[in-house]
């Protein structure tokens, strides 16, 4: 490694230009062989650095998001989606859901409204019909 190469590598490290630091020598040789201008060589280095930073930024955001692993459509349990939709509908589809059914407008001082009973019976029937 020449003094110039070592110096450029050190400057890239100081400036946190990892992609440029790792590629400047090979890109310089390629530019020389293809007779690219200095501007074309610099553009290629900077483009590589920008792409590398974008890729690392996305990787870091995904890692920090703590998202569950990626799933495929084959793994999707349509019966579960159907059951959730039916339950949402059966409870009046107002976004309250089963956890807060006691607060549902179909309850009046702890007494259930008959329309809710009808909806829950429809839900149970639908669940039985889609059982394996």
C-alpha atoms as a PDB file:
ATOM      1  CA  UNK A   1       0.000   0.000   0.000  1.00  0.00           C
ATOM      2  CA  UNK A   2       1.475   3.343  -1.038  1.00  0.00           C
ATOM      3  CA  UNK A   3       1.634   6.390   1.192  1.00  0.00           C
ATOM      4  CA  UNK A   4      -1.079   8.070  -0.869  1.00  0.00           C
ATOM      5  CA  UNK A   5      -3.393   5.062  -0.567  1.00  0.00           C
ATOM      6  CA  UNK A   6      -2.801   4.826   3.185  1.00  0.00           C
ATOM      7  CA  UNK A   7      -3.440   8.556   3.578  1.00  0.00           C
ATOM      8  CA  UNK A   8      -6.672   8.423   1.566  1.00  0.00           C
ATOM      9  CA  UNK A   9      -7.833   5.405   3.568  1.00  0.00           C
ATOM     10  CA  UNK A  10      -7.155   7.258   6.817  1.00  0.00           C
ATOM     11  CA  UNK A  11      -9.010  10.372   5.635  1.00  0.00           C
ATOM     12  CA  UNK A  12     -12.002   8.245   4.598  1.00  0.00           C
ATOM     13  CA  UNK A  13     -11.979   6.585   7.998  1.00  0.00           C
ATOM     14  CA  UNK A  14     -11.845   9.965   9.759  1.00  0.00           C
ATOM     15  CA  UNK A  15     -14.690  11.311   7.616  1.00  0.00           C
ATOM     16  CA  UNK A  16     -16.648   8.062   8.009  1.00  0.00           C
ATOM     17  CA  UNK A  17     -16.723   7.381   4.275  1.00  0.00           C
ATOM     18  CA  UNK A  18     -16.521   3.605   4.546  1.00  0.00           C
ATOM     19  CA  UNK A  19     -17.669   2.800   1.031  1.00  0.00           C
ATOM     20  CA  UNK A  20     -15.286   5.258  -0.603  1.00  0.00           C
ATOM     21  CA  UNK A  21     -12.448   4.055   1.611  1.00  0.00           C
ATOM     22  CA  UNK A  22     -13.036   0.486   0.520  1.00  0.00           C
ATOM     23  CA  UNK A  23     -13.458   1.183  -3.194  1.00  0.00           C
ATOM     24  CA  UNK A  24     -11.373   4.179  -4.219  1.00  0.00           C
ATOM     25  CA  UNK A  25      -8.327   2.165  -5.316  1.00  0.00           C
ATOM     26  CA  UNK A  26     -10.245  -0.391  -7.400  1.00  0.00           C
ATOM     27  CA  UNK A  27     -12.485   2.319  -8.863  1.00  0.00           C
ATOM     28  CA  UNK A  28      -9.413   4.406  -9.737  1.00  0.00           C
ATOM     29  CA  UNK A  29      -7.908   1.469 -11.618  1.00  0.00           C
ATOM     30  CA  UNK A  30     -11.185   0.820 -13.423  1.00  0.00           C
ATOM     31  CA  UNK A  31     -11.507   4.511 -14.332  1.00  0.00           C
ATOM     32  CA  UNK A  32      -7.935   4.526 -15.639  1.00  0.00           C
ATOM     33  CA  UNK A  33      -8.550   1.434 -17.803  1.00  0.00           C
ATOM     34  CA  UNK A  34     -11.824   2.781 -19.197  1.00  0.00           C
ATOM     35  CA  UNK A  35     -10.361   6.289 -19.583  1.00  0.00           C
ATOM     36  CA  UNK A  36     -13.078   7.901 -17.456  1.00  0.00           C
ATOM     37  CA  UNK A  37     -12.692  11.524 -16.427  1.00  0.00           C
ATOM     38  CA  UNK A  38     -11.882  12.576 -12.872  1.00  0.00           C
ATOM     39  CA  UNK A  39     -15.455  13.766 -12.518  1.00  0.00           C
ATOM     40  CA  UNK A  40     -16.859  10.394 -13.619  1.00  0.00           C
ATOM     41  CA  UNK A  41     -14.563   8.637 -11.126  1.00  0.00           C
ATOM     42  CA  UNK A  42     -15.633  10.965  -8.312  1.00  0.00           C
ATOM     43  CA  UNK A  43     -19.301  10.569  -9.236  1.00  0.00           C
ATOM     44  CA  UNK A  44     -18.997   6.768  -9.111  1.00  0.00           C
ATOM     45  CA  UNK A  45     -17.360   6.920  -5.671  1.00  0.00           C
ATOM     46  CA  UNK A  46     -19.961   9.295  -4.257  1.00  0.00           C
ATOM     47  CA  UNK A  47     -22.848   7.310  -5.748  1.00  0.00           C
ATOM     48  CA  UNK A  48     -21.475   4.165  -4.142  1.00  0.00           C
ATOM     49  CA  UNK A  49     -21.221   5.922  -0.766  1.00  0.00           C
ATOM     50  CA  UNK A  50     -24.798   7.247  -0.976  1.00  0.00           C
ATOM     51  CA  UNK A  51     -26.209   3.816  -1.915  1.00  0.00           C
ATOM     52  CA  UNK A  52     -24.264   2.134   0.883  1.00  0.00           C
ATOM     53  CA  UNK A  53     -25.510   4.656   3.456  1.00  0.00           C
ATOM     54  CA  UNK A  54     -29.113   4.266   2.309  1.00  0.00           C
ATOM     55  CA  UNK A  55     -28.821   0.472   2.549  1.00  0.00           C
ATOM     56  CA  UNK A  56     -27.291   0.634   6.039  1.00  0.00           C
ATOM     57  CA  UNK A  57     -29.914   3.167   7.154  1.00  0.00           C
ATOM     58  CA  UNK A  58     -32.727   0.849   6.092  1.00  0.00           C
ATOM     59  CA  UNK A  59     -31.053  -2.122   7.793  1.00  0.00           C
ATOM     60  CA  UNK A  60     -30.643  -0.129  11.010  1.00  0.00           C
ATOM     61  CA  UNK A  61     -34.249   1.083  10.995  1.00  0.00           C
ATOM     62  CA  UNK A  62     -35.531  -2.449  10.451  1.00  0.00           C
ATOM     63  CA  UNK A  63     -33.332  -3.752  13.239  1.00  0.00           C
ATOM     64  CA  UNK A  64     -34.418  -1.005  15.656  1.00  0.00           C
ATOM     65  CA  UNK A  65     -38.091  -1.488  14.772  1.00  0.00           C
ATOM     66  CA  UNK A  66     -37.995  -5.009  16.276  1.00  0.00           C
ATOM     67  CA  UNK A  67     -40.505  -6.146  13.690  1.00  0.00           C
ATOM     68  CA  UNK A  68     -41.547  -9.785  13.686  1.00  0.00           C
ATOM     69  CA  UNK A  69     -39.961 -11.947  11.030  1.00  0.00           C
ATOM     70  CA  UNK A  70     -41.233 -11.589   7.486  1.00  0.00           C
ATOM     71  CA  UNK A  71     -44.118 -13.879   6.601  1.00  0.00           C
ATOM     72  CA  UNK A  72     -45.282 -15.161   3.258  1.00  0.00           C
ATOM     73  CA  UNK A  73     -48.813 -15.364   1.905  1.00  0.00           C
ATOM     74  CA  UNK A  74     -48.630 -19.143   2.276  1.00  0.00           C
ATOM     75  CA  UNK A  75     -48.310 -18.665   6.045  1.00  0.00           C
ATOM     76  CA  UNK A  76     -51.421 -16.466   6.266  1.00  0.00           C
ATOM     77  CA  UNK A  77     -54.193 -18.211   8.171  1.00  0.00           C
ATOM     78  CA  UNK A  78     -57.305 -17.004   6.391  1.00  0.00           C
ATOM     79  CA  UNK A  79     -59.582 -18.654   8.948  1.00  0.00           C
ATOM     80  CA  UNK A  80     -58.016 -16.499  11.646  1.00  0.00           C
ATOM     81  CA  UNK A  81     -58.496 -13.359   9.575  1.00  0.00           C
ATOM     82  CA  UNK A  82     -62.087 -14.387   8.858  1.00  0.00           C
ATOM     83  CA  UNK A  83     -62.753 -15.118  12.536  1.00  0.00           C
ATOM     84  CA  UNK A  84     -61.331 -11.755  13.608  1.00  0.00           C
ATOM     85  CA  UNK A  85     -63.473  -9.979  11.035  1.00  0.00           C
ATOM     86  CA  UNK A  86     -66.588 -11.810  12.202  1.00  0.00           C
ATOM     87  CA  UNK A  87     -65.865 -10.997  15.839  1.00  0.00           C
ATOM     88  CA  UNK A  88     -65.352  -7.344  14.950  1.00  0.00           C
ATOM     89  CA  UNK A  89     -68.674  -7.374  13.117  1.00  0.00           C
ATOM     90  CA  UNK A  90     -70.455  -9.273  15.907  1.00  0.00           C
ATOM     91  CA  UNK A  91     -69.448  -6.728  18.524  1.00  0.00           C
ATOM     92  CA  UNK A  92     -70.808  -3.831  16.524  1.00  0.00           C
ATOM     93  CA  UNK A  93     -67.639  -3.043  14.503  1.00  0.00           C
ATOM     94  CA  UNK A  94     -67.054   0.110  16.497  1.00  0.00           C
ATOM     95  CA  UNK A  95     -63.445  -0.677  17.302  1.00  0.00           C
ATOM     96  CA  UNK A  96     -64.101  -1.574  20.941  1.00  0.00           C
ATOM     97  CA  UNK A  97     -63.568  -5.302  20.541  1.00  0.00           C
ATOM     98  CA  UNK A  98     -63.985  -8.142  22.989  1.00  0.00           C
ATOM     99  CA  UNK A  99     -61.711  -6.739  25.708  1.00  0.00           C
ATOM    100  CA  UNK A 100     -64.118  -3.936  26.439  1.00  0.00           C
ATOM    101  CA  UNK A 101     -67.403  -5.674  25.689  1.00  0.00           C
ATOM    102  CA  UNK A 102     -68.760  -4.499  29.056  1.00  0.00           C
ATOM    103  CA  UNK A 103     -68.507  -0.938  27.769  1.00  0.00           C
ATOM    104  CA  UNK A 104     -70.236  -1.780  24.521  1.00  0.00           C
ATOM    105  CA  UNK A 105     -73.394   0.224  23.787  1.00  0.00           C
ATOM    106  CA  UNK A 106     -75.321  -3.067  23.449  1.00  0.00           C
ATOM    107  CA  UNK A 107     -74.951  -3.531  27.227  1.00  0.00           C
ATOM    108  CA  UNK A 108     -77.254  -1.613  29.489  1.00  0.00           C
ATOM    109  CA  UNK A 109     -76.416  -1.830  33.188  1.00  0.00           C
ATOM    110  CA  UNK A 110     -75.017  -5.315  32.688  1.00  0.00           C
ATOM    111  CA  UNK A 111     -77.993  -6.585  30.648  1.00  0.00           C
ATOM    112  CA  UNK A 112     -77.351  -7.652  27.085  1.00  0.00           C
ATOM    113  CA  UNK A 113     -79.350  -6.343  24.211  1.00  0.00           C
ATOM    114  CA  UNK A 114     -80.997  -9.101  22.158  1.00  0.00           C
ATOM    115  CA  UNK A 115     -79.416  -7.769  18.941  1.00  0.00           C
ATOM    116  CA  UNK A 116     -75.982  -8.517  20.401  1.00  0.00           C
ATOM    117  CA  UNK A 117     -77.099 -12.057  21.229  1.00  0.00           C
ATOM    118  CA  UNK A 118     -78.216 -12.503  17.641  1.00  0.00           C
ATOM    119  CA  UNK A 119     -74.902 -11.232  16.342  1.00  0.00           C
ATOM    120  CA  UNK A 120     -72.928 -13.496  18.683  1.00  0.00           C
ATOM    121  CA  UNK A 121     -75.012 -16.503  17.603  1.00  0.00           C
ATOM    122  CA  UNK A 122     -74.313 -15.651  13.966  1.00  0.00           C
ATOM    123  CA  UNK A 123     -70.620 -15.402  14.836  1.00  0.00           C
ATOM    124  CA  UNK A 124     -70.649 -18.814  16.550  1.00  0.00           C
ATOM    125  CA  UNK A 125     -72.425 -20.400  13.579  1.00  0.00           C
ATOM    126  CA  UNK A 126     -69.942 -18.925  11.153  1.00  0.00           C
ATOM    127  CA  UNK A 127     -67.013 -20.122  13.299  1.00  0.00           C
ATOM    128  CA  UNK A 128     -68.412 -23.652  13.374  1.00  0.00           C
ATOM    129  CA  UNK A 129     -68.889 -23.652   9.598  1.00  0.00           C
ATOM    130  CA  UNK A 130     -65.268 -22.602   8.945  1.00  0.00           C
ATOM    131  CA  UNK A 131     -63.732 -25.044  11.452  1.00  0.00           C
ATOM    132  CA  UNK A 132     -61.491 -27.728   9.912  1.00  0.00           C
END
